[in-house]
């Protein structure tokens, strides 16, 4: 199987994860679900969300929990695997304490791993920039970093699917890339 990079993005509860799961199943490769969440048993709502994802996955899929070292996990993956990374926003949230220089290093490491991994990689990313500008600095930092990361991965991806209201649109077939300005 040739390496592929696929991005699945969209707003909350749009069907991103379900679409990514269907793409992983259709790949025909053994699937590793790469969970980026930090598990917090005291947060019942968060645990319920994790359980929903866990209950939906086929029992044959492997699970790799990688809240921090995602680039390293992707780089080490064997070429016969399909990795479903859910999600980039959660992984990024685990790194909001990094200063700009350290974040740029992690950002680049992830892009390099996505580009050079031998495995097929399906990344799920949240779209956060469609609403108002967040009132707090940490919200703006998260939104801006995720927007830049998602855009950079989309430019490198073979396919980029926007999921909206339960419908998937392949942006690589329908859209035109906009070259980022420095």
Protein backbone atom coordinates (compact mmCIF):
# COMPACT_ATOMS: atom_id res chain seq x y z
CA UNK A 1 0.00 0.00 0.00
CA UNK A 2 1.39 3.39 -0.94
CA UNK A 3 1.63 6.00 1.81
CA UNK A 4 -1.22 8.49 1.81
CA UNK A 5 -2.03 11.49 3.95
CA UNK A 6 -5.70 12.36 4.43
CA UNK A 7 -7.15 15.26 6.42
CA UNK A 8 -10.71 15.19 7.76
CA UNK A 9 -11.86 18.51 9.22
CA UNK A 10 -15.07 20.20 10.21
CA UNK A 11 -17.06 21.64 13.10
CA UNK A 12 -18.13 19.86 16.28
CA UNK A 13 -20.57 16.98 15.90
CA UNK A 14 -20.43 17.15 12.10
CA UNK A 15 -19.40 13.52 11.57
CA UNK A 16 -15.61 13.97 11.23
CA UNK A 17 -14.64 10.95 13.26
CA UNK A 18 -17.23 8.69 11.66
CA UNK A 19 -16.03 9.70 8.18
CA UNK A 20 -12.39 9.16 9.16
CA UNK A 21 -13.31 5.74 10.57
CA UNK A 22 -15.02 4.79 7.30
CA UNK A 23 -11.92 5.87 5.34
CA UNK A 24 -9.69 3.82 7.64
CA UNK A 25 -11.90 0.76 7.17
CA UNK A 26 -11.93 1.26 3.40
CA UNK A 27 -8.12 1.41 3.32
CA UNK A 28 -8.01 -2.37 3.69
CA UNK A 29 -4.96 -2.06 5.95
CA UNK A 30 -4.73 -2.99 9.60
CA UNK A 31 -5.85 0.13 11.53
CA UNK A 32 -4.26 1.74 14.54
CA UNK A 33 -6.43 4.32 16.24
CA UNK A 34 -4.10 7.04 17.55
CA UNK A 35 -5.87 8.74 20.46
CA UNK A 36 -4.44 12.12 21.42
CA UNK A 37 -6.66 12.82 24.45
CA UNK A 38 -5.44 12.98 27.99
CA UNK A 39 -7.75 10.72 29.98
CA UNK A 40 -9.28 12.45 33.00
CA UNK A 41 -11.61 10.09 34.90
CA UNK A 42 -12.88 13.01 37.02
CA UNK A 43 -14.33 14.69 33.90
CA UNK A 44 -17.43 12.60 33.22
CA UNK A 45 -18.40 14.40 30.02
CA UNK A 46 -14.90 13.97 28.55
CA UNK A 47 -14.87 10.30 29.56
CA UNK A 48 -18.30 9.82 27.93
CA UNK A 49 -16.95 11.27 24.68
CA UNK A 50 -13.91 8.99 24.80
CA UNK A 51 -16.18 6.01 25.50
CA UNK A 52 -18.37 6.87 22.47
CA UNK A 53 -15.32 6.77 20.22
CA UNK A 54 -14.04 3.57 21.85
CA UNK A 55 -17.43 1.82 21.54
CA UNK A 56 -17.70 2.68 17.85
CA UNK A 57 -14.28 1.28 16.88
CA UNK A 58 -13.96 -2.29 15.60
CA UNK A 59 -12.38 -4.66 18.10
CA UNK A 60 -9.74 -5.55 15.49
CA UNK A 61 -8.25 -2.06 15.56
CA UNK A 62 -5.18 -1.42 17.68
CA UNK A 63 -5.12 1.53 20.05
CA UNK A 64 -2.16 3.84 20.58
CA UNK A 65 -2.59 6.61 23.16
CA UNK A 66 -0.28 9.49 22.23
CA UNK A 67 -1.22 12.75 23.95
CA UNK A 68 2.25 14.27 23.45
CA UNK A 69 4.65 12.35 21.20
CA UNK A 70 2.52 12.19 18.05
CA UNK A 71 5.30 13.00 15.52
CA UNK A 72 7.48 10.25 16.95
CA UNK A 73 4.61 7.72 16.84
CA UNK A 74 3.79 8.55 13.22
CA UNK A 75 7.42 8.37 12.15
CA UNK A 76 7.84 4.93 13.75
CA UNK A 77 4.71 3.38 12.22
CA UNK A 78 5.17 0.44 9.83
CA UNK A 79 4.19 0.96 6.20
CA UNK A 80 1.45 -1.66 6.20
CA UNK A 81 -0.67 0.27 8.75
CA UNK A 82 -3.39 2.87 8.49
CA UNK A 83 -3.17 5.33 11.39
CA UNK A 84 -6.30 7.25 12.33
CA UNK A 85 -5.25 10.27 14.41
CA UNK A 86 -8.16 11.68 16.41
CA UNK A 87 -7.59 14.55 16.90
CA UNK A 88 -5.10 17.26 16.01
CA UNK A 89 -6.93 19.85 18.10
CA UNK A 90 -6.71 17.68 21.19
CA UNK A 91 -3.00 17.03 20.57
CA UNK A 92 -2.41 20.74 20.09
CA UNK A 93 -4.30 21.56 23.31
CA UNK A 94 -1.82 19.33 25.14
CA UNK A 95 0.95 21.67 23.91
CA UNK A 96 -0.53 25.11 24.55
CA UNK A 97 2.07 25.69 27.27
CA UNK A 98 4.86 25.75 24.67
CA UNK A 99 6.33 29.11 23.68
CA UNK A 100 6.25 30.07 20.01
CA UNK A 101 9.70 28.64 19.23
CA UNK A 102 9.03 25.29 20.88
CA UNK A 103 5.60 25.11 19.24
CA UNK A 104 7.14 25.80 15.80
CA UNK A 105 9.49 22.86 16.39
CA UNK A 106 6.59 20.52 17.34
CA UNK A 107 4.51 21.81 14.43
CA UNK A 108 7.34 21.11 11.97
CA UNK A 109 8.05 17.71 13.51
CA UNK A 110 4.42 16.73 12.96
CA UNK A 111 4.46 17.96 9.36
CA UNK A 112 7.67 16.04 8.70
CA UNK A 113 6.26 12.88 10.25
CA UNK A 114 3.03 13.16 8.24
CA UNK A 115 5.01 13.67 5.05
CA UNK A 116 7.64 10.98 5.56
CA UNK A 117 5.84 8.23 7.47
CA UNK A 118 5.59 4.94 5.62
CA UNK A 119 2.04 4.41 6.92
CA UNK A 120 -1.21 5.83 5.61
CA UNK A 121 -2.28 8.59 7.99
CA UNK A 122 -5.79 9.96 8.43
CA UNK A 123 -5.83 13.08 10.61
CA UNK A 124 -9.01 14.44 12.17
CA UNK A 125 -8.95 18.18 12.93
CA UNK A 126 -11.52 20.53 14.37
CA UNK A 127 -12.50 23.75 12.62
CA UNK A 128 -12.55 26.48 15.24
CA UNK A 129 -12.23 29.68 13.25
CA UNK A 130 -15.80 30.00 11.93
CA UNK A 131 -17.14 31.86 14.95
CA UNK A 132 -16.24 34.97 16.83
CA UNK A 133 -12.67 35.78 17.82
CA UNK A 134 -12.14 34.20 21.26
CA UNK A 135 -12.22 36.73 24.09
CA UNK A 136 -9.23 35.22 25.89
CA UNK A 137 -5.59 34.90 24.80
CA UNK A 138 -5.45 31.11 25.26
CA UNK A 139 -8.50 30.68 23.01
CA UNK A 140 -6.97 32.86 20.32
CA UNK A 141 -3.67 30.97 20.59
CA UNK A 142 -5.46 27.63 20.20
CA UNK A 143 -7.55 28.82 17.26
CA UNK A 144 -4.61 30.38 15.44
CA UNK A 145 -2.24 27.45 15.97
CA UNK A 146 -4.86 24.90 14.91
CA UNK A 147 -5.75 26.95 11.83
CA UNK A 148 -2.10 27.09 10.75
CA UNK A 149 -1.54 23.40 11.47
CA UNK A 150 -4.66 22.25 9.65
CA UNK A 151 -3.85 24.41 6.63
CA UNK A 152 -0.28 23.10 6.46
CA UNK A 153 -1.43 19.49 6.62
CA UNK A 154 -4.14 20.11 4.01
CA UNK A 155 -1.53 21.45 1.59
CA UNK A 156 0.50 18.23 1.99
CA UNK A 157 -2.48 15.86 2.03
CA UNK A 158 -3.59 13.67 -0.85
CA UNK A 159 -7.20 14.29 0.16
CA UNK A 160 -8.74 16.89 2.46
CA UNK A 161 -12.34 16.29 3.46
CA UNK A 162 -14.54 19.00 4.97
CA UNK A 163 -17.40 17.50 6.94
CA UNK A 164 -20.38 19.78 7.46
CA UNK A 165 -23.85 18.80 8.70
CA UNK A 166 -23.07 15.14 8.10
CA UNK A 167 -21.83 15.56 4.51
CA UNK A 168 -18.26 15.05 3.29
CA UNK A 169 -16.75 17.28 0.64
CA UNK A 170 -13.31 16.51 -0.78
CA UNK A 171 -11.66 19.92 -0.91
CA UNK A 172 -8.81 18.62 -3.08
CA UNK A 173 -11.36 17.90 -5.82
CA UNK A 174 -13.58 20.95 -5.30
CA UNK A 175 -11.23 23.68 -4.15
CA UNK A 176 -8.14 25.61 -5.11
CA UNK A 177 -5.20 25.85 -2.68
CA UNK A 178 -4.22 29.26 -1.39
CA UNK A 179 -0.49 29.57 -0.85
CA UNK A 180 0.16 30.82 2.68
CA UNK A 181 1.94 34.12 3.03
CA UNK A 182 4.95 34.24 5.36
